C-alpha atoms as a PDB file:
ATOM      1  CA  UNK A   1     -18.412  36.864  19.458  1.00  0.00           C
ATOM      2  CA  UNK A   2     -16.006  33.939  19.277  1.00  0.00           C
ATOM      3  CA  UNK A   3     -16.210  31.000  16.879  1.00  0.00           C
ATOM      4  CA  UNK A   4     -17.818  27.777  18.003  1.00  0.00           C
ATOM      5  CA  UNK A   5     -15.446  24.811  18.432  1.00  0.00           C
ATOM      6  CA  UNK A   6     -15.509  22.091  15.790  1.00  0.00           C
ATOM      7  CA  UNK A   7     -17.519  19.048  16.862  1.00  0.00           C
ATOM      8  CA  UNK A   8     -15.331  16.061  17.736  1.00  0.00           C
ATOM      9  CA  UNK A   9     -16.090  12.378  17.166  1.00  0.00           C
ATOM     10  CA  UNK A  10     -18.167  10.930  19.962  1.00  0.00           C
ATOM     11  CA  UNK A  11     -16.143   8.817  22.338  1.00  0.00           C
ATOM     12  CA  UNK A  12     -17.106   6.955  25.493  1.00  0.00           C
ATOM     13  CA  UNK A  13     -15.678   8.633  28.553  1.00  0.00           C
ATOM     14  CA  UNK A  14     -16.704   6.945  31.767  1.00  0.00           C
ATOM     15  CA  UNK A  15     -17.994   3.387  31.234  1.00  0.00           C
ATOM     16  CA  UNK A  16     -14.836   1.287  31.001  1.00  0.00           C
ATOM     17  CA  UNK A  17     -15.983  -1.796  29.106  1.00  0.00           C
ATOM     18  CA  UNK A  18     -17.895   0.203  26.530  1.00  0.00           C
ATOM     19  CA  UNK A  19     -14.933   2.511  26.046  1.00  0.00           C
ATOM     20  CA  UNK A  20     -12.636  -0.452  25.431  1.00  0.00           C
ATOM     21  CA  UNK A  21     -15.040  -2.079  22.973  1.00  0.00           C
ATOM     22  CA  UNK A  22     -15.264   1.181  20.996  1.00  0.00           C
ATOM     23  CA  UNK A  23     -11.455   1.331  20.914  1.00  0.00           C
ATOM     24  CA  UNK A  24     -11.205  -2.296  19.728  1.00  0.00           C
ATOM     25  CA  UNK A  25     -13.880  -1.673  17.076  1.00  0.00           C
ATOM     26  CA  UNK A  26     -11.884   1.254  15.674  1.00  0.00           C
ATOM     27  CA  UNK A  27      -8.636  -0.745  15.650  1.00  0.00           C
ATOM     28  CA  UNK A  28     -10.268  -3.691  13.850  1.00  0.00           C
ATOM     29  CA  UNK A  29     -11.881  -1.386  11.277  1.00  0.00           C
ATOM     30  CA  UNK A  30      -8.568   0.370  10.641  1.00  0.00           C
ATOM     31  CA  UNK A  31      -6.674  -2.917  10.254  1.00  0.00           C
ATOM     32  CA  UNK A  32      -9.259  -4.491   7.929  1.00  0.00           C
ATOM     33  CA  UNK A  33      -9.341  -1.340   5.800  1.00  0.00           C
ATOM     34  CA  UNK A  34      -5.563  -1.378   5.568  1.00  0.00           C
ATOM     35  CA  UNK A  35      -5.594  -5.094   4.743  1.00  0.00           C
ATOM     36  CA  UNK A  36      -8.142  -4.669   1.948  1.00  0.00           C
ATOM     37  CA  UNK A  37      -6.506  -1.586   0.502  1.00  0.00           C
ATOM     38  CA  UNK A  38      -5.292  -1.928  -3.116  1.00  0.00           C
ATOM     39  CA  UNK A  39      -2.200   0.120  -2.199  1.00  0.00           C
ATOM     40  CA  UNK A  40      -0.972  -2.255   0.523  1.00  0.00           C
ATOM     41  CA  UNK A  41       2.163  -4.221  -0.238  1.00  0.00           C
ATOM     42  CA  UNK A  42       1.993  -8.030  -0.033  1.00  0.00           C
ATOM     43  CA  UNK A  43       3.401  -9.381   3.221  1.00  0.00           C
ATOM     44  CA  UNK A  44       6.228 -11.905   3.228  1.00  0.00           C
ATOM     45  CA  UNK A  45       5.186 -15.209   4.811  1.00  0.00           C
ATOM     46  CA  UNK A  46       7.237 -16.205   7.860  1.00  0.00           C
ATOM     47  CA  UNK A  47       7.890 -19.809   8.834  1.00  0.00           C
ATOM     48  CA  UNK A  48       8.476 -21.025  12.403  1.00  0.00           C
ATOM     49  CA  UNK A  49      12.149 -21.688  11.657  1.00  0.00           C
ATOM     50  CA  UNK A  50      12.762 -18.147  10.409  1.00  0.00           C
ATOM     51  CA  UNK A  51      10.956 -16.795  13.445  1.00  0.00           C
ATOM     52  CA  UNK A  52      13.117 -18.887  15.784  1.00  0.00           C
ATOM     53  CA  UNK A  53      16.291 -17.694  14.066  1.00  0.00           C
ATOM     54  CA  UNK A  54      15.191 -14.109  14.525  1.00  0.00           C
ATOM     55  CA  UNK A  55      14.808 -14.718  18.256  1.00  0.00           C
ATOM     56  CA  UNK A  56      18.439 -15.857  18.671  1.00  0.00           C
ATOM     57  CA  UNK A  57      20.531 -12.917  19.767  1.00  0.00           C
ATOM     58  CA  UNK A  58      23.899 -14.535  20.497  1.00  0.00           C
ATOM     59  CA  UNK A  59      25.659 -17.804  19.772  1.00  0.00           C
ATOM     60  CA  UNK A  60      27.922 -19.467  22.304  1.00  0.00           C
ATOM     61  CA  UNK A  61      31.188 -20.726  20.793  1.00  0.00           C
END
């Protein structure tokens, strides 16, 4: 007799909106857990000017 397969986490299969909401729920939970983790490194604050400079790829002379 063969072994029974391990039970997987329940996941919505057919109903589209419900499936998406479950996916979003998991993503939000994962991100909040990561944010509240004591092992996470502090993030460097970015200003609009720095962000704009990062977007510039070439300078015309």
